[in-house]
């Protein structure tokens, strides 16, 4: 599950490992997903140790008595010096790097940061280990970049296409292991298209 919506600046920014909290909408999305999942039992609940993921997991699993395990391995991509910067500012200050990013989105690293390939190498083996030790359904609350690189791995999609996968805040992706093979059952089951009235 992708975490709920965050308190965001008016201008579009890079958000990696900076740690904004959930917004009002993000909390409502998490409550809605908690209701959708109320009849699903979980043997494990994992989340990124960033605030927005932990808050989402805590709301979704409220009153279940489940222990949530936080893991830095499930954090969003490290964006280095670009983290928190407006995209327009990055385009202006790092024009050559911005162009290089567009030419190889999967392997490009901003200054002091990870590439999406690095992210994939960090998170996929970790999620595989979680799945291997699961005795049932496992809920992992994490970030869009993490889910995209996982899906690229499972579906054998080149990382150059990762932004073709749309993931809303609060969206759920279902992956099932069958005889050692991962199958994608659903992508982006989301409260995003609902109105605020629907989320109450």
C-alpha atoms as a PDB file:
ATOM      1  CA  UNK A   1       0.000   0.000   0.000  1.00  0.00           C
ATOM      2  CA  UNK A   2       1.210   3.486  -0.830  1.00  0.00           C
ATOM      3  CA  UNK A   3       0.953   5.867   2.122  1.00  0.00           C
ATOM      4  CA  UNK A   4      -1.810   8.454   2.199  1.00  0.00           C
ATOM      5  CA  UNK A   5      -1.567  11.987   0.852  1.00  0.00           C
ATOM      6  CA  UNK A   6       0.928  14.339   2.497  1.00  0.00           C
ATOM      7  CA  UNK A   7       1.005  18.000   3.397  1.00  0.00           C
ATOM      8  CA  UNK A   8       2.366  19.351   0.132  1.00  0.00           C
ATOM      9  CA  UNK A   9       3.715  22.659  -1.115  1.00  0.00           C
ATOM     10  CA  UNK A  10       1.818  24.447  -3.883  1.00  0.00           C
ATOM     11  CA  UNK A  11       4.674  23.897  -6.354  1.00  0.00           C
ATOM     12  CA  UNK A  12       5.525  20.317  -7.397  1.00  0.00           C
ATOM     13  CA  UNK A  13       8.586  19.120  -5.497  1.00  0.00           C
ATOM     14  CA  UNK A  14      10.821  16.100  -5.268  1.00  0.00           C
ATOM     15  CA  UNK A  15       9.792  14.106  -2.208  1.00  0.00           C
ATOM     16  CA  UNK A  16      12.079  11.235  -1.298  1.00  0.00           C
ATOM     17  CA  UNK A  17      13.261  10.716   2.239  1.00  0.00           C
ATOM     18  CA  UNK A  18      12.173  14.075   3.621  1.00  0.00           C
ATOM     19  CA  UNK A  19       9.479  13.386   6.179  1.00  0.00           C
ATOM     20  CA  UNK A  20       6.240  15.366   5.827  1.00  0.00           C
ATOM     21  CA  UNK A  21       3.204  14.126   7.780  1.00  0.00           C
ATOM     22  CA  UNK A  22      -0.071  12.931   6.337  1.00  0.00           C
ATOM     23  CA  UNK A  23      -2.553  15.604   5.340  1.00  0.00           C
ATOM     24  CA  UNK A  24      -6.212  15.586   6.352  1.00  0.00           C
ATOM     25  CA  UNK A  25      -6.990  13.828   3.047  1.00  0.00           C
ATOM     26  CA  UNK A  26      -4.205  11.322   3.722  1.00  0.00           C
ATOM     27  CA  UNK A  27      -5.705  10.379   7.067  1.00  0.00           C
ATOM     28  CA  UNK A  28      -9.168  10.011   5.504  1.00  0.00           C
ATOM     29  CA  UNK A  29      -7.758   7.816   2.706  1.00  0.00           C
ATOM     30  CA  UNK A  30      -6.064   5.616   5.309  1.00  0.00           C
ATOM     31  CA  UNK A  31      -9.273   5.310   7.331  1.00  0.00           C
ATOM     32  CA  UNK A  32     -11.181   4.354   4.179  1.00  0.00           C
ATOM     33  CA  UNK A  33      -8.644   1.660   3.274  1.00  0.00           C
ATOM     34  CA  UNK A  34      -8.761   0.399   6.853  1.00  0.00           C
ATOM     35  CA  UNK A  35     -12.487  -0.158   6.416  1.00  0.00           C
ATOM     36  CA  UNK A  36     -11.958  -1.906   3.073  1.00  0.00           C
ATOM     37  CA  UNK A  37      -9.430  -4.258   4.668  1.00  0.00           C
ATOM     38  CA  UNK A  38     -11.320  -4.899   7.915  1.00  0.00           C
ATOM     39  CA  UNK A  39     -12.139  -8.509   6.998  1.00  0.00           C
ATOM     40  CA  UNK A  40      -8.617  -9.316   5.757  1.00  0.00           C
ATOM     41  CA  UNK A  41      -6.358 -10.914   8.354  1.00  0.00           C
ATOM     42  CA  UNK A  42      -2.663 -10.080   8.326  1.00  0.00           C
ATOM     43  CA  UNK A  43       0.102 -12.237   9.723  1.00  0.00           C
ATOM     44  CA  UNK A  44       2.583  -9.372   9.427  1.00  0.00           C
ATOM     45  CA  UNK A  45       2.492  -5.594   9.034  1.00  0.00           C
ATOM     46  CA  UNK A  46       5.595  -3.792   7.817  1.00  0.00           C
ATOM     47  CA  UNK A  47       6.108  -0.146   6.957  1.00  0.00           C
ATOM     48  CA  UNK A  48       8.760   2.327   5.992  1.00  0.00           C
ATOM     49  CA  UNK A  49      10.112   4.189   8.997  1.00  0.00           C
ATOM     50  CA  UNK A  50       9.184   7.526   7.416  1.00  0.00           C
ATOM     51  CA  UNK A  51       6.351   9.277   9.237  1.00  0.00           C
ATOM     52  CA  UNK A  52       3.843   9.253   6.387  1.00  0.00           C
ATOM     53  CA  UNK A  53       4.071   5.462   5.977  1.00  0.00           C
ATOM     54  CA  UNK A  54       3.983   4.694   9.700  1.00  0.00           C
ATOM     55  CA  UNK A  55       0.976   6.981  10.226  1.00  0.00           C
ATOM     56  CA  UNK A  56      -0.852   5.285   7.349  1.00  0.00           C
ATOM     57  CA  UNK A  57      -0.150   1.803   8.717  1.00  0.00           C
ATOM     58  CA  UNK A  58      -1.231   2.840  12.221  1.00  0.00           C
ATOM     59  CA  UNK A  59      -4.569   4.143  10.925  1.00  0.00           C
ATOM     60  CA  UNK A  60      -5.236   1.163   8.642  1.00  0.00           C
ATOM     61  CA  UNK A  61      -4.471  -1.306  11.453  1.00  0.00           C
ATOM     62  CA  UNK A  62      -6.134   0.614  14.283  1.00  0.00           C
ATOM     63  CA  UNK A  63      -7.852  -1.630  16.858  1.00  0.00           C
ATOM     64  CA  UNK A  64      -6.388  -4.808  15.326  1.00  0.00           C
ATOM     65  CA  UNK A  65      -3.761  -5.350  18.018  1.00  0.00           C
ATOM     66  CA  UNK A  66      -1.099  -5.965  15.381  1.00  0.00           C
ATOM     67  CA  UNK A  67       2.577  -5.180  15.831  1.00  0.00           C
ATOM     68  CA  UNK A  68       3.954  -2.970  13.057  1.00  0.00           C
ATOM     69  CA  UNK A  69       7.590  -3.400  12.093  1.00  0.00           C
ATOM     70  CA  UNK A  70       9.286  -0.281  10.751  1.00  0.00           C
ATOM     71  CA  UNK A  71      12.169  -0.732   8.327  1.00  0.00           C
ATOM     72  CA  UNK A  72      14.454   1.864   6.714  1.00  0.00           C
ATOM     73  CA  UNK A  73      14.878  -0.563   3.795  1.00  0.00           C
ATOM     74  CA  UNK A  74      11.286   0.314   2.792  1.00  0.00           C
ATOM     75  CA  UNK A  75      11.963   4.056   2.556  1.00  0.00           C
ATOM     76  CA  UNK A  76      11.338   6.012  -0.621  1.00  0.00           C
ATOM     77  CA  UNK A  77      14.249   6.631  -2.993  1.00  0.00           C
ATOM     78  CA  UNK A  78      17.044   8.806  -1.611  1.00  0.00           C
ATOM     79  CA  UNK A  79      17.058  11.964  -3.744  1.00  0.00           C
ATOM     80  CA  UNK A  80      20.154  13.515  -2.178  1.00  0.00           C
ATOM     81  CA  UNK A  81      20.511  17.251  -2.764  1.00  0.00           C
ATOM     82  CA  UNK A  82      17.322  17.362  -4.789  1.00  0.00           C
ATOM     83  CA  UNK A  83      15.089  16.114  -1.967  1.00  0.00           C
ATOM     84  CA  UNK A  84      12.485  18.755  -1.147  1.00  0.00           C
ATOM     85  CA  UNK A  85      13.470  21.027  -4.040  1.00  0.00           C
ATOM     86  CA  UNK A  86      10.893  22.337  -6.492  1.00  0.00           C
ATOM     87  CA  UNK A  87      11.166  20.616  -9.860  1.00  0.00           C
ATOM     88  CA  UNK A  88      11.361  23.996 -11.602  1.00  0.00           C
ATOM     89  CA  UNK A  89      14.319  24.918  -9.390  1.00  0.00           C
ATOM     90  CA  UNK A  90      16.101  21.645 -10.208  1.00  0.00           C
ATOM     91  CA  UNK A  91      15.532  22.172 -13.941  1.00  0.00           C
ATOM     92  CA  UNK A  92      17.025  25.653 -13.643  1.00  0.00           C
ATOM     93  CA  UNK A  93      19.994  24.913 -11.357  1.00  0.00           C
ATOM     94  CA  UNK A  94      20.908  21.466 -12.715  1.00  0.00           C
ATOM     95  CA  UNK A  95      19.901  21.703 -16.373  1.00  0.00           C
ATOM     96  CA  UNK A  96      22.537  19.231 -17.631  1.00  0.00           C
ATOM     97  CA  UNK A  97      21.674  16.711 -14.924  1.00  0.00           C
ATOM     98  CA  UNK A  98      17.965  17.202 -15.572  1.00  0.00           C
ATOM     99  CA  UNK A  99      18.542  16.273 -19.205  1.00  0.00           C
ATOM    100  CA  UNK A 100      20.643  13.242 -18.203  1.00  0.00           C
ATOM    101  CA  UNK A 101      17.816  12.126 -15.895  1.00  0.00           C
ATOM    102  CA  UNK A 102      15.362  12.221 -18.775  1.00  0.00           C
ATOM    103  CA  UNK A 103      17.698  10.173 -20.959  1.00  0.00           C
ATOM    104  CA  UNK A 104      18.152   7.341 -18.425  1.00  0.00           C
ATOM    105  CA  UNK A 105      15.592   7.578 -15.623  1.00  0.00           C
ATOM    106  CA  UNK A 106      16.353   4.101 -14.307  1.00  0.00           C
ATOM    107  CA  UNK A 107      20.075   4.561 -13.691  1.00  0.00           C
ATOM    108  CA  UNK A 108      20.453   8.313 -13.167  1.00  0.00           C
ATOM    109  CA  UNK A 109      21.599   9.441  -9.701  1.00  0.00           C
ATOM    110  CA  UNK A 110      21.056  13.020  -8.497  1.00  0.00           C
ATOM    111  CA  UNK A 111      23.989  14.399  -6.473  1.00  0.00           C
ATOM    112  CA  UNK A 112      24.436  12.270  -3.338  1.00  0.00           C
ATOM    113  CA  UNK A 113      21.421  10.109  -4.157  1.00  0.00           C
ATOM    114  CA  UNK A 114      20.177   6.722  -5.343  1.00  0.00           C
ATOM    115  CA  UNK A 115      19.077   5.723  -8.814  1.00  0.00           C
ATOM    116  CA  UNK A 116      15.883   3.740  -9.306  1.00  0.00           C
ATOM    117  CA  UNK A 117      18.139   0.780 -10.074  1.00  0.00           C
ATOM    118  CA  UNK A 118      19.782   1.264  -6.657  1.00  0.00           C
ATOM    119  CA  UNK A 119      16.336   1.468  -5.071  1.00  0.00           C
ATOM    120  CA  UNK A 120      15.273  -1.758  -6.767  1.00  0.00           C
ATOM    121  CA  UNK A 121      18.384  -3.540  -5.488  1.00  0.00           C
ATOM    122  CA  UNK A 122      17.650  -2.247  -1.976  1.00  0.00           C
ATOM    123  CA  UNK A 123      13.961  -3.052  -1.687  1.00  0.00           C
ATOM    124  CA  UNK A 124      13.230  -6.126  -3.811  1.00  0.00           C
ATOM    125  CA  UNK A 125      15.421  -8.598  -1.869  1.00  0.00           C
ATOM    126  CA  UNK A 126      14.085  -7.153   1.396  1.00  0.00           C
ATOM    127  CA  UNK A 127      10.456  -7.579   0.341  1.00  0.00           C
ATOM    128  CA  UNK A 128      11.239 -11.105  -0.890  1.00  0.00           C
ATOM    129  CA  UNK A 129      12.572 -11.939   2.582  1.00  0.00           C
ATOM    130  CA  UNK A 130       9.402 -10.566   4.171  1.00  0.00           C
ATOM    131  CA  UNK A 131       7.279 -12.686   1.823  1.00  0.00           C
ATOM    132  CA  UNK A 132       9.364 -15.802   2.475  1.00  0.00           C
ATOM    133  CA  UNK A 133       8.782 -15.577   6.223  1.00  0.00           C
ATOM    134  CA  UNK A 134       5.055 -14.809   5.944  1.00  0.00           C
ATOM    135  CA  UNK A 135       2.529 -17.418   7.041  1.00  0.00           C
ATOM    136  CA  UNK A 136      -0.367 -15.534   5.478  1.00  0.00           C
ATOM    137  CA  UNK A 137      -1.301 -12.088   4.181  1.00  0.00           C
ATOM    138  CA  UNK A 138       1.329  -9.417   4.728  1.00  0.00           C
ATOM    139  CA  UNK A 139       0.609  -5.697   4.601  1.00  0.00           C
ATOM    140  CA  UNK A 140       3.538  -3.483   3.585  1.00  0.00           C
ATOM    141  CA  UNK A 141       2.945   0.273   3.716  1.00  0.00           C
ATOM    142  CA  UNK A 142       5.581   2.050   1.686  1.00  0.00           C
ATOM    143  CA  UNK A 143       6.109   4.559  -1.138  1.00  0.00           C
ATOM    144  CA  UNK A 144       5.344   4.964  -4.841  1.00  0.00           C
ATOM    145  CA  UNK A 145       8.954   4.508  -5.958  1.00  0.00           C
ATOM    146  CA  UNK A 146       9.282   1.297  -3.963  1.00  0.00           C
ATOM    147  CA  UNK A 147       6.080  -0.176  -5.405  1.00  0.00           C
ATOM    148  CA  UNK A 148       6.986   0.851  -8.959  1.00  0.00           C
ATOM    149  CA  UNK A 149      10.435  -0.765  -8.911  1.00  0.00           C
ATOM    150  CA  UNK A 150       8.945  -3.910  -7.326  1.00  0.00           C
ATOM    151  CA  UNK A 151       6.326  -4.126 -10.085  1.00  0.00           C
ATOM    152  CA  UNK A 152       8.998  -3.572 -12.733  1.00  0.00           C
ATOM    153  CA  UNK A 153      10.931  -6.495 -11.280  1.00  0.00           C
ATOM    154  CA  UNK A 154       7.947  -8.852 -11.019  1.00  0.00           C
ATOM    155  CA  UNK A 155       6.596  -7.984 -14.481  1.00  0.00           C
ATOM    156  CA  UNK A 156      10.054  -7.741 -16.084  1.00  0.00           C
ATOM    157  CA  UNK A 157       9.406  -4.158 -17.171  1.00  0.00           C
ATOM    158  CA  UNK A 158      12.453  -1.969 -17.898  1.00  0.00           C
ATOM    159  CA  UNK A 159      12.975   0.742 -15.292  1.00  0.00           C
ATOM    160  CA  UNK A 160      12.805   3.263 -18.122  1.00  0.00           C
ATOM    161  CA  UNK A 161       9.029   2.604 -18.103  1.00  0.00           C
ATOM    162  CA  UNK A 162       8.428   2.847 -14.346  1.00  0.00           C
ATOM    163  CA  UNK A 163       6.443   6.091 -14.563  1.00  0.00           C
ATOM    164  CA  UNK A 164       3.915   4.354 -16.809  1.00  0.00           C
ATOM    165  CA  UNK A 165       2.658   2.783 -13.572  1.00  0.00           C
ATOM    166  CA  UNK A 166       0.271   5.225 -11.909  1.00  0.00           C
ATOM    167  CA  UNK A 167      -0.069   4.945  -8.129  1.00  0.00           C
ATOM    168  CA  UNK A 168      -2.450   7.134  -6.146  1.00  0.00           C
ATOM    169  CA  UNK A 169      -1.946   8.054  -2.516  1.00  0.00           C
ATOM    170  CA  UNK A 170      -3.466   5.259  -0.443  1.00  0.00           C
ATOM    171  CA  UNK A 171      -3.585   2.873  -3.410  1.00  0.00           C
ATOM    172  CA  UNK A 172      -3.196  -0.863  -2.833  1.00  0.00           C
ATOM    173  CA  UNK A 173      -1.257  -3.238  -5.062  1.00  0.00           C
ATOM    174  CA  UNK A 174      -1.822  -6.989  -4.614  1.00  0.00           C
ATOM    175  CA  UNK A 175       0.954  -9.466  -5.359  1.00  0.00           C
ATOM    176  CA  UNK A 176       0.482 -13.166  -4.721  1.00  0.00           C
ATOM    177  CA  UNK A 177       3.177 -15.817  -4.602  1.00  0.00           C
ATOM    178  CA  UNK A 178       2.040 -19.041  -6.252  1.00  0.00           C
ATOM    179  CA  UNK A 179       4.484 -21.957  -6.262  1.00  0.00           C
ATOM    180  CA  UNK A 180       7.430 -19.584  -6.037  1.00  0.00           C
ATOM    181  CA  UNK A 181       6.193 -17.272  -8.799  1.00  0.00           C
ATOM    182  CA  UNK A 182       4.916 -13.794  -8.061  1.00  0.00           C
ATOM    183  CA  UNK A 183       1.695 -12.777  -9.788  1.00  0.00           C
ATOM    184  CA  UNK A 184       0.299  -9.244  -9.837  1.00  0.00           C
ATOM    185  CA  UNK A 185      -3.362  -9.532  -8.907  1.00  0.00           C
ATOM    186  CA  UNK A 186      -4.254  -5.810  -8.837  1.00  0.00           C
ATOM    187  CA  UNK A 187      -2.594  -2.408  -9.074  1.00  0.00           C
ATOM    188  CA  UNK A 188      -3.669   0.861  -7.462  1.00  0.00           C
ATOM    189  CA  UNK A 189      -6.929  -0.096  -5.771  1.00  0.00           C
ATOM    190  CA  UNK A 190      -7.474   3.448  -4.689  1.00  0.00           C
ATOM    191  CA  UNK A 191      -9.737   5.850  -2.787  1.00  0.00           C
ATOM    192  CA  UNK A 192      -8.383   8.752  -4.867  1.00  0.00           C
ATOM    193  CA  UNK A 193     -11.401   9.147  -7.149  1.00  0.00           C
ATOM    194  CA  UNK A 194     -13.825   9.351  -4.267  1.00  0.00           C
ATOM    195  CA  UNK A 195     -15.099  12.649  -2.902  1.00  0.00           C
ATOM    196  CA  UNK A 196     -14.501  13.818   0.629  1.00  0.00           C
ATOM    197  CA  UNK A 197     -18.102  12.837   1.436  1.00  0.00           C
ATOM    198  CA  UNK A 198     -17.384   9.275   0.345  1.00  0.00           C
ATOM    199  CA  UNK A 199     -14.404   9.120   2.705  1.00  0.00           C
ATOM    200  CA  UNK A 200     -16.389   9.897   5.868  1.00  0.00           C
END
